[in-house]
N, C-alpha and C. Protein backbone atom coordinates (compact mmCIF):
# COMPACT_ATOMS: atom_id res chain seq x y z
N MET A 1 49.95 -50.75 -47.14
CA MET A 1 49.38 -49.45 -46.70
C MET A 1 49.56 -49.30 -45.11
N SER A 2 49.51 -47.91 -44.79
CA SER A 2 49.79 -47.54 -43.35
C SER A 2 48.83 -47.61 -42.80
N SER A 3 48.63 -47.60 -41.30
CA SER A 3 47.65 -47.93 -40.60
C SER A 3 46.86 -46.89 -40.42
N GLN A 4 47.35 -45.29 -41.02
CA GLN A 4 46.67 -44.34 -40.79
C GLN A 4 45.41 -44.21 -41.96
N ASN A 5 45.78 -45.19 -42.68
CA ASN A 5 44.90 -45.25 -44.14
C ASN A 5 43.79 -46.20 -43.86
N CYS A 6 43.68 -46.94 -42.60
CA CYS A 6 43.03 -48.12 -42.44
C CYS A 6 41.34 -47.97 -42.67
N TRP A 7 40.90 -46.78 -42.64
CA TRP A 7 39.46 -46.59 -42.70
C TRP A 7 39.32 -45.89 -43.85
N SER A 8 40.24 -45.82 -45.02
CA SER A 8 39.94 -45.33 -46.28
C SER A 8 38.98 -46.24 -47.01
N ALA A 9 38.57 -46.00 -48.05
CA ALA A 9 37.44 -46.84 -48.96
C ALA A 9 38.32 -48.30 -49.52
N VAL A 10 39.67 -47.78 -49.56
CA VAL A 10 40.71 -48.67 -50.52
C VAL A 10 40.93 -49.91 -49.54
N CYS A 11 41.17 -49.81 -48.00
CA CYS A 11 41.50 -50.83 -47.16
C CYS A 11 40.59 -51.58 -46.70
N PRO A 12 40.92 -52.70 -46.81
CA PRO A 12 39.61 -53.71 -45.96
C PRO A 12 39.44 -53.66 -44.62
N PRO A 13 38.42 -53.91 -44.13
CA PRO A 13 38.06 -53.20 -42.94
C PRO A 13 38.70 -54.51 -41.79
N VAL A 14 39.28 -55.71 -42.46
CA VAL A 14 40.06 -56.20 -41.33
C VAL A 14 41.71 -55.94 -41.26
N ALA A 15 41.89 -55.21 -42.14
CA ALA A 15 43.40 -54.39 -41.85
C ALA A 15 43.16 -53.75 -40.37
N ALA A 16 42.30 -53.25 -40.32
CA ALA A 16 42.13 -52.07 -38.80
C ALA A 16 42.75 -53.14 -37.54
N VAL A 17 42.44 -54.40 -37.56
CA VAL A 17 42.53 -55.36 -36.57
C VAL A 17 43.95 -56.10 -36.86
N ARG A 18 44.78 -55.82 -37.68
CA ARG A 18 45.87 -56.92 -37.88
C ARG A 18 47.09 -56.80 -36.92
N SER A 19 47.09 -55.78 -36.50
CA SER A 19 48.30 -55.39 -35.81
C SER A 19 47.81 -56.27 -34.06
N PRO A 20 49.23 -56.50 -33.70
CA PRO A 20 49.22 -57.62 -32.21
C PRO A 20 48.72 -56.66 -31.27
N GLU A 21 48.89 -55.57 -31.36
CA GLU A 21 48.44 -54.63 -30.12
C GLU A 21 46.88 -54.64 -30.26
N LYS A 22 46.39 -54.27 -31.44
CA LYS A 22 44.74 -54.51 -31.51
C LYS A 22 44.42 -55.64 -31.19
N ALA A 23 44.71 -56.56 -31.59
CA ALA A 23 44.35 -58.18 -31.41
C ALA A 23 44.56 -58.50 -29.69
N ALA A 24 45.27 -58.16 -29.02
CA ALA A 24 45.41 -58.27 -27.65
C ALA A 24 44.37 -57.43 -27.10
N ALA A 25 44.08 -56.13 -27.22
CA ALA A 25 43.32 -55.19 -26.99
C ALA A 25 41.96 -56.04 -27.21
N ILE A 26 41.55 -56.71 -28.38
CA ILE A 26 40.03 -57.01 -28.66
C ILE A 26 39.84 -58.62 -27.70
N SER A 27 41.06 -59.23 -27.45
CA SER A 27 41.12 -60.73 -26.46
C SER A 27 40.92 -59.99 -25.01
N ARG A 28 41.31 -58.83 -24.80
CA ARG A 28 41.09 -58.31 -23.35
C ARG A 28 39.70 -57.83 -23.04
N GLY A 29 38.82 -57.64 -24.35
CA GLY A 29 37.62 -57.07 -24.16
C GLY A 29 37.40 -55.59 -23.96
N ASP A 30 38.90 -54.93 -24.34
CA ASP A 30 38.74 -53.52 -24.58
C ASP A 30 38.18 -52.85 -25.46
N TRP A 31 37.43 -53.60 -26.64
CA TRP A 31 36.56 -52.84 -27.45
C TRP A 31 35.11 -53.40 -27.05
N TYR A 32 35.15 -54.05 -26.19
CA TYR A 32 33.44 -54.26 -25.76
C TYR A 32 32.75 -53.09 -25.38
N THR A 33 31.53 -53.08 -25.78
CA THR A 33 30.81 -51.99 -25.28
C THR A 33 29.15 -52.52 -25.30
N ASP A 34 28.48 -51.96 -24.17
CA ASP A 34 27.22 -52.60 -24.19
C ASP A 34 26.35 -51.18 -24.61
N SER A 35 27.06 -50.52 -25.27
CA SER A 35 26.13 -49.29 -26.00
C SER A 35 25.30 -49.97 -27.02
N THR A 36 24.04 -49.17 -26.99
CA THR A 36 22.85 -49.52 -28.01
C THR A 36 23.12 -48.84 -29.48
N ASP A 37 24.04 -47.71 -29.38
CA ASP A 37 24.55 -46.84 -30.54
C ASP A 37 24.32 -47.72 -31.76
N LEU A 38 24.98 -48.46 -31.92
CA LEU A 38 25.03 -49.52 -33.29
C LEU A 38 23.57 -49.92 -33.75
N ARG A 39 23.15 -50.48 -32.79
CA ARG A 39 21.23 -50.95 -32.72
C ARG A 39 20.76 -49.78 -33.46
N GLN A 40 20.69 -48.74 -32.83
CA GLN A 40 19.93 -47.75 -33.02
C GLN A 40 20.21 -46.97 -34.41
N LEU A 41 21.47 -46.84 -34.72
CA LEU A 41 21.93 -46.61 -36.12
C LEU A 41 21.33 -47.48 -37.27
N ILE A 42 21.59 -48.72 -36.90
CA ILE A 42 21.11 -49.74 -38.17
C ILE A 42 19.76 -50.14 -38.16
N GLY A 43 19.06 -49.77 -36.80
CA GLY A 43 17.62 -50.17 -36.87
C GLY A 43 17.54 -51.65 -36.86
N ARG A 44 18.44 -52.40 -36.10
CA ARG A 44 18.23 -53.88 -35.84
C ARG A 44 19.65 -54.32 -34.90
N PRO A 45 19.60 -55.48 -34.56
CA PRO A 45 20.66 -55.83 -33.49
C PRO A 45 21.66 -56.15 -34.45
N ALA A 46 23.07 -55.93 -33.92
CA ALA A 46 24.25 -56.35 -34.61
C ALA A 46 24.25 -57.69 -34.76
N ALA A 47 24.98 -58.42 -35.42
CA ALA A 47 25.11 -59.83 -35.56
C ALA A 47 26.32 -60.07 -35.66
N PRO A 48 26.99 -61.16 -34.79
CA PRO A 48 28.37 -61.45 -34.72
C PRO A 48 28.70 -61.92 -36.47
N LEU A 49 30.19 -61.83 -36.69
CA LEU A 49 30.60 -62.10 -38.23
C LEU A 49 30.23 -63.37 -38.37
N ALA A 50 30.47 -64.12 -37.44
CA ALA A 50 30.32 -65.77 -37.94
C ALA A 50 28.81 -66.28 -38.36
N ASN A 51 27.87 -65.53 -37.64
CA ASN A 51 26.50 -65.86 -37.80
C ASN A 51 26.20 -65.10 -39.44
N VAL A 52 26.59 -64.10 -39.61
CA VAL A 52 26.53 -63.24 -41.01
C VAL A 52 27.29 -64.37 -42.23
N VAL A 53 28.41 -64.56 -41.74
CA VAL A 53 29.03 -65.34 -42.93
C VAL A 53 28.39 -66.72 -42.82
N THR A 54 27.84 -67.56 -41.81
CA THR A 54 27.04 -68.54 -42.20
C THR A 54 25.96 -68.71 -42.68
N ALA A 55 25.09 -67.65 -42.55
CA ALA A 55 24.08 -67.20 -43.20
C ALA A 55 23.96 -66.99 -45.06
N ALA A 56 25.25 -66.30 -44.97
CA ALA A 56 25.71 -66.22 -46.52
C ALA A 56 25.84 -67.14 -47.37
N LEU A 57 26.36 -68.26 -46.64
CA LEU A 57 26.81 -69.59 -47.26
C LEU A 57 25.90 -70.42 -47.43
N LYS A 58 24.77 -70.22 -46.40
CA LYS A 58 23.73 -71.22 -46.56
C LYS A 58 22.70 -70.49 -47.88
N ALA A 59 22.91 -69.10 -47.87
CA ALA A 59 22.00 -68.73 -48.94
C ALA A 59 22.55 -69.18 -50.43
N LEU A 60 23.82 -69.68 -50.47
CA LEU A 60 24.23 -70.03 -51.93
C LEU A 60 23.75 -70.94 -52.38
């Protein structure tokens, strides 16, 4: 699947960050934002993926 299709419903979300360029940008903090847009959109603070996975595993 091409990178142009990464946001389609068929492509897993992690496919969007699989390229070395994107991984390097993330490690430099290029994607960091102190915006509260996501918090306002979902009505709660965003949670780190590690916390979500940990909570899901504990719930099993």
